PDB file of N, CA and C in Angstrom:
ATOM      1  N   UNK A   1     139.412 160.520  98.682  1.00  0.00           N
ATOM      2  CA  UNK A   1     138.346 159.563  98.430  1.00  0.00           C
ATOM      3  C   UNK A   1     137.670 159.217  99.764  1.00  0.00           C
ATOM      4  N   UNK A   2     136.343 159.317  99.796  1.00  0.00           N
ATOM      5  CA  UNK A   2     135.630 158.981 101.041  1.00  0.00           C
ATOM      6  C   UNK A   2     135.772 157.510 101.419  1.00  0.00           C
ATOM      7  N   UNK A   3     135.620 157.250 102.701  1.00  0.00           N
ATOM      8  CA  UNK A   3     135.626 155.887 103.226  1.00  0.00           C
ATOM      9  C   UNK A   3     134.435 155.149 102.625  1.00  0.00           C
ATOM     10  N   UNK A   4     134.581 153.855 102.402  1.00  0.00           N
ATOM     11  CA  UNK A   4     133.503 153.058 101.822  1.00  0.00           C
ATOM     12  C   UNK A   4     132.231 153.201 102.664  1.00  0.00           C
ATOM     13  N   UNK A   5     131.121 153.442 101.989  1.00  0.00           N
ATOM     14  CA  UNK A   5     129.852 153.625 102.677  1.00  0.00           C
ATOM     15  C   UNK A   5     129.575 155.072 103.058  1.00  0.00           C
ATOM     16  N   UNK A   6     130.476 155.969 102.737  1.00  0.00           N
ATOM     17  CA  UNK A   6     130.322 157.391 103.042  1.00  0.00           C
ATOM     18  C   UNK A   6     130.479 158.201 101.765  1.00  0.00           C
ATOM     19  N   UNK A   7     129.892 159.372 101.745  1.00  0.00           N
ATOM     20  CA  UNK A   7     130.107 160.362 100.696  1.00  0.00           C
ATOM     21  C   UNK A   7     130.660 161.605 101.374  1.00  0.00           C
ATOM     22  N   UNK A   8     131.085 162.559 100.595  1.00  0.00           N
ATOM     23  CA  UNK A   8     131.631 163.772 101.200  1.00  0.00           C
ATOM     24  C   UNK A   8     130.849 164.988 100.720  1.00  0.00           C
ATOM     25  N   UNK A   9     130.889 166.037 101.522  1.00  0.00           N
ATOM     26  CA  UNK A   9     130.291 167.322 101.169  1.00  0.00           C
ATOM     27  C   UNK A   9     131.289 168.416 101.512  1.00  0.00           C
ATOM     28  N   UNK A  10     131.135 169.556 100.875  1.00  0.00           N
ATOM     29  CA  UNK A  10     131.994 170.704 101.161  1.00  0.00           C
ATOM     30  C   UNK A  10     131.238 171.677 102.052  1.00  0.00           C
ATOM     31  N   UNK A  11     131.930 172.196 103.045  1.00  0.00           N
ATOM     32  CA  UNK A  11     131.375 173.212 103.934  1.00  0.00           C
ATOM     33  C   UNK A  11     132.218 174.471 103.808  1.00  0.00           C
ATOM     34  N   UNK A  12     131.597 175.633 103.979  1.00  0.00           N
ATOM     35  CA  UNK A  12     132.404 176.851 104.024  1.00  0.00           C
ATOM     36  C   UNK A  12     133.425 176.742 105.165  1.00  0.00           C
ATOM     37  N   UNK A  13     134.609 177.265 104.936  1.00  0.00           N
ATOM     38  CA  UNK A  13     135.695 177.151 105.919  1.00  0.00           C
ATOM     39  C   UNK A  13     135.311 177.670 107.292  1.00  0.00           C
ATOM     40  N   UNK A  14     134.605 178.789 107.337  1.00  0.00           N
ATOM     41  CA  UNK A  14     134.207 179.359 108.619  1.00  0.00           C
ATOM     42  C   UNK A  14     133.277 178.449 109.398  1.00  0.00           C
ATOM     43  N   UNK A  15     132.329 177.831 108.709  1.00  0.00           N
ATOM     44  CA  UNK A  15     131.399 176.912 109.361  1.00  0.00           C
ATOM     45  C   UNK A  15     132.134 175.674 109.852  1.00  0.00           C
ATOM     46  N   UNK A  16     133.021 175.147 109.024  1.00  0.00           N
ATOM     47  CA  UNK A  16     133.824 173.988 109.421  1.00  0.00           C
ATOM     48  C   UNK A  16     134.631 174.301 110.681  1.00  0.00           C
ATOM     49  N   UNK A  17     135.222 175.493 110.716  1.00  0.00           N
ATOM     50  CA  UNK A  17     136.024 175.890 111.881  1.00  0.00           C
ATOM     51  C   UNK A  17     135.178 175.970 113.146  1.00  0.00           C
ATOM     52  N   UNK A  18     133.947 176.493 113.028  1.00  0.00           N
ATOM     53  CA  UNK A  18     133.050 176.570 114.189  1.00  0.00           C
ATOM     54  C   UNK A  18     132.713 175.180 114.710  1.00  0.00           C
ATOM     55  N   UNK A  19     132.383 174.281 113.791  1.00  0.00           N
ATOM     56  CA  UNK A  19     132.040 172.912 114.191  1.00  0.00           C
ATOM     57  C   UNK A  19     133.250 172.240 114.826  1.00  0.00           C
ATOM     58  N   UNK A  20     134.400 172.396 114.221  1.00  0.00           N
ATOM     59  CA  UNK A  20     135.630 171.796 114.750  1.00  0.00           C
ATOM     60  C   UNK A  20     135.901 172.289 116.169  1.00  0.00           C
ATOM     61  N   UNK A  21     135.739 173.593 116.386  1.00  0.00           N
ATOM     62  CA  UNK A  21     135.969 174.160 117.718  1.00  0.00           C
ATOM     63  C   UNK A  21     134.957 173.623 118.725  1.00  0.00           C
ATOM     64  N   UNK A  22     133.687 173.520 118.329  1.00  0.00           N
ATOM     65  CA  UNK A  22     132.665 172.983 119.230  1.00  0.00           C
ATOM     66  C   UNK A  22     132.975 171.550 119.636  1.00  0.00           C
ATOM     67  N   UNK A  23     133.321 170.738 118.662  1.00  0.00           N
ATOM     68  CA  UNK A  23     133.619 169.331 118.945  1.00  0.00           C
ATOM     69  C   UNK A  23     134.817 169.223 119.886  1.00  0.00           C
ATOM     70  N   UNK A  24     135.808 170.067 119.666  1.00  0.00           N
ATOM     71  CA  UNK A  24     137.030 170.010 120.477  1.00  0.00           C
ATOM     72  C   UNK A  24     136.830 170.563 121.891  1.00  0.00           C
ATOM     73  N   UNK A  25     136.107 171.674 122.015  1.00  0.00           N
ATOM     74  CA  UNK A  25     136.007 172.340 123.313  1.00  0.00           C
ATOM     75  C   UNK A  25     134.794 171.934 124.139  1.00  0.00           C
ATOM     76  N   UNK A  26     133.742 171.463 123.493  1.00  0.00           N
ATOM     77  CA  UNK A  26     132.515 171.107 124.217  1.00  0.00           C
ATOM     78  C   UNK A  26     132.371 169.592 124.297  1.00  0.00           C
ATOM     79  N   UNK A  27     133.316 168.959 124.954  1.00  0.00           N
ATOM     80  CA  UNK A  27     133.285 167.499 125.094  1.00  0.00           C
ATOM     81  C   UNK A  27     132.041 167.041 125.846  1.00  0.00           C
ATOM     82  N   UNK A  28     131.449 167.947 126.631  1.00  0.00           N
ATOM     83  CA  UNK A  28     130.218 167.620 127.345  1.00  0.00           C
ATOM     84  C   UNK A  28     129.051 167.346 126.394  1.00  0.00           C
ATOM     85  N   UNK A  29     129.160 167.790 125.153  1.00  0.00           N
ATOM     86  CA  UNK A  29     128.102 167.556 124.169  1.00  0.00           C
ATOM     87  C   UNK A  29     128.128 166.120 123.646  1.00  0.00           C
ATOM     88  N   UNK A  30     129.251 165.441 123.812  1.00  0.00           N
ATOM     89  CA  UNK A  30     129.333 164.032 123.468  1.00  0.00           C
ATOM     90  C   UNK A  30     129.736 163.698 122.043  1.00  0.00           C
ATOM     91  N   UNK A  31     130.108 164.696 121.255  1.00  0.00           N
ATOM     92  CA  UNK A  31     130.524 164.416 119.879  1.00  0.00           C
ATOM     93  C   UNK A  31     131.988 164.000 119.861  1.00  0.00           C
ATOM     94  N   UNK A  32     132.259 162.892 119.186  1.00  0.00           N
ATOM     95  CA  UNK A  32     133.631 162.397 119.103  1.00  0.00           C
ATOM     96  C   UNK A  32     134.337 162.858 117.843  1.00  0.00           C
ATOM     97  N   UNK A  33     133.564 163.364 116.872  1.00  0.00           N
ATOM     98  CA  UNK A  33     134.165 163.793 115.612  1.00  0.00           C
ATOM     99  C   UNK A  33     133.277 164.826 114.928  1.00  0.00           C
ATOM    100  N   UNK A  34     133.863 165.535 113.992  1.00  0.00           N
ATOM    101  CA  UNK A  34     133.110 166.484 113.182  1.00  0.00           C
ATOM    102  C   UNK A  34     132.058 165.735 112.377  1.00  0.00           C
ATOM    103  N   UNK A  35     132.415 164.580 111.857  1.00  0.00           N
ATOM    104  CA  UNK A  35     131.472 163.767 111.091  1.00  0.00           C
ATOM    105  C   UNK A  35     130.243 163.433 111.920  1.00  0.00           C
ATOM    106  N   UNK A  36     130.452 163.050 113.159  1.00  0.00           N
ATOM    107  CA  UNK A  36     129.337 162.703 114.048  1.00  0.00           C
ATOM    108  C   UNK A  36     128.433 163.915 114.281  1.00  0.00           C
ATOM    109  N   UNK A  37     129.027 165.074 114.500  1.00  0.00           N
ATOM    110  CA  UNK A  37     128.263 166.300 114.714  1.00  0.00           C
ATOM    111  C   UNK A  37     127.432 166.641 113.480  1.00  0.00           C
ATOM    112  N   UNK A  38     128.070 166.652 112.320  1.00  0.00           N
ATOM    113  CA  UNK A  38     127.389 167.022 111.079  1.00  0.00           C
ATOM    114  C   UNK A  38     126.294 166.014 110.739  1.00  0.00           C
ATOM    115  N   UNK A  39     126.565 164.724 110.917  1.00  0.00           N
ATOM    116  CA  UNK A  39     125.560 163.697 110.626  1.00  0.00           C
ATOM    117  C   UNK A  39     124.320 163.901 111.488  1.00  0.00           C
ATOM    118  N   UNK A  40     124.509 164.188 112.776  1.00  0.00           N
ATOM    119  CA  UNK A  40     123.350 164.406 113.646  1.00  0.00           C
ATOM    120  C   UNK A  40     122.604 165.674 113.264  1.00  0.00           C
ATOM    121  N   UNK A  41     123.332 166.734 112.934  1.00  0.00           N
ATOM    122  CA  UNK A  41     122.692 167.990 112.544  1.00  0.00           C
ATOM    123  C   UNK A  41     121.853 167.805 111.281  1.00  0.00           C
ATOM    124  N   UNK A  42     122.391 167.111 110.311  1.00  0.00           N
ATOM    125  CA  UNK A  42     121.666 166.864 109.063  1.00  0.00           C
ATOM    126  C   UNK A  42     120.468 165.958 109.314  1.00  0.00           C
ATOM    127  N   UNK A  43     120.647 164.934 110.125  1.00  0.00           N
ATOM    128  CA  UNK A  43     119.551 164.015 110.455  1.00  0.00           C
ATOM    129  C   UNK A  43     118.400 164.763 111.127  1.00  0.00           C
ATOM    130  N   UNK A  44     118.721 165.594 112.113  1.00  0.00           N
ATOM    131  CA  UNK A  44     117.686 166.355 112.826  1.00  0.00           C
ATOM    132  C   UNK A  44     116.958 167.311 111.887  1.00  0.00           C
ATOM    133  N   UNK A  45     117.686 168.011 111.055  1.00  0.00           N
ATOM    134  CA  UNK A  45     117.064 168.970 110.128  1.00  0.00           C
ATOM    135  C   UNK A  45     116.206 168.246 109.103  1.00  0.00           C
ATOM    136  N   UNK A  46     116.675 167.115 108.614  1.00  0.00           N
ATOM    137  CA  UNK A  46     115.907 166.326 107.655  1.00  0.00           C
ATOM    138  C   UNK A  46     114.591 165.872 108.275  1.00  0.00           C
ATOM    139  N   UNK A  47     114.646 165.381 109.503  1.00  0.00           N
ATOM    140  CA  UNK A  47     113.428 164.950 110.200  1.00  0.00           C
ATOM    141  C   UNK A  47     112.465 166.119 110.381  1.00  0.00           C
ATOM    142  N   UNK A  48     113.002 167.281 110.728  1.00  0.00           N
ATOM    143  CA  UNK A  48     112.179 168.476 110.920  1.00  0.00           C
ATOM    144  C   UNK A  48     111.456 168.853 109.623  1.00  0.00           C
ATOM    145  N   UNK A  49     112.172 168.840 108.523  1.00  0.00           N
ATOM    146  CA  UNK A  49     111.581 169.174 107.224  1.00  0.00           C
ATOM    147  C   UNK A  49     110.535 168.143 106.829  1.00  0.00           C
ATOM    148  N   UNK A  50     110.846 166.877 107.027  1.00  0.00           N
ATOM    149  CA  UNK A  50     109.891 165.824 106.683  1.00  0.00           C
ATOM    150  C   UNK A  50     108.597 165.970 107.474  1.00  0.00           C
ATOM    151  N   UNK A  51     108.681 166.343 108.739  1.00  0.00           N
ATOM    152  CA  UNK A  51     107.483 166.525 109.564  1.00  0.00           C
ATOM    153  C   UNK A  51     106.630 167.682 109.061  1.00  0.00           C
ATOM    154  N   UNK A  52     107.270 168.790 108.684  1.00  0.00           N
ATOM    155  CA  UNK A  52     106.510 169.954 108.243  1.00  0.00           C
ATOM    156  C   UNK A  52     105.977 169.801 106.830  1.00  0.00           C
ATOM    157  N   UNK A  53     106.558 168.943 106.035  1.00  0.00           N
ATOM    158  CA  UNK A  53     106.107 168.744 104.661  1.00  0.00           C
ATOM    159  C   UNK A  53     105.194 167.548 104.496  1.00  0.00           C
ATOM    160  N   UNK A  54     104.902 166.846 105.578  1.00  0.00           N
ATOM    161  CA  UNK A  54     104.065 165.654 105.512  1.00  0.00           C
ATOM    162  C   UNK A  54     102.660 166.026 105.968  1.00  0.00           C
ATOM    163  N   UNK A  55     101.701 166.119 105.035  1.00  0.00           N
ATOM    164  CA  UNK A  55     100.340 166.504 105.413  1.00  0.00           C
ATOM    165  C   UNK A  55      99.728 165.589 106.471  1.00  0.00           C
ATOM    166  N   UNK A  56     100.115 164.333 106.508  1.00  0.00           N
ATOM    167  CA  UNK A  56      99.561 163.389 107.478  1.00  0.00           C
ATOM    168  C   UNK A  56      99.992 163.726 108.902  1.00  0.00           C
ATOM    169  N   UNK A  57     101.102 164.434 109.055  1.00  0.00           N
ATOM    170  CA  UNK A  57     101.600 164.744 110.394  1.00  0.00           C
ATOM    171  C   UNK A  57     101.064 166.067 110.927  1.00  0.00           C
ATOM    172  N   UNK A  58     100.296 166.796 110.113  1.00  0.00           N
ATOM    173  CA  UNK A  58      99.783 168.088 110.544  1.00  0.00           C
ATOM    174  C   UNK A  58      98.386 167.950 111.135  1.00  0.00           C
ATOM    175  N   UNK A  59      98.133 168.637 112.251  1.00  0.00           N
ATOM    176  CA  UNK A  59      96.804 168.562 112.871  1.00  0.00           C
ATOM    177  C   UNK A  59      95.747 169.217 111.988  1.00  0.00           C
ATOM    178  N   UNK A  60      94.531 168.749 112.114  1.00  0.00           N
ATOM    179  CA  UNK A  60      93.436 169.302 111.301  1.00  0.00           C
ATOM    180  C   UNK A  60      92.783 170.468 111.976  1.00  0.00           C
TER     181      UNK A  60
END
């Protein structure tokens, strides 16, 4: 059961392993947990999609 205020998602095992290794070995990146890494990745991608799909943000 997820922690209150959180939901869960499933990742392919290979992708999870890559993220886990990055978080563990690349402490210089500043991620303290897999959750933190995934949340930032999803946030950045969501913002990117919103910018490209928003006609108001596109130059004329």
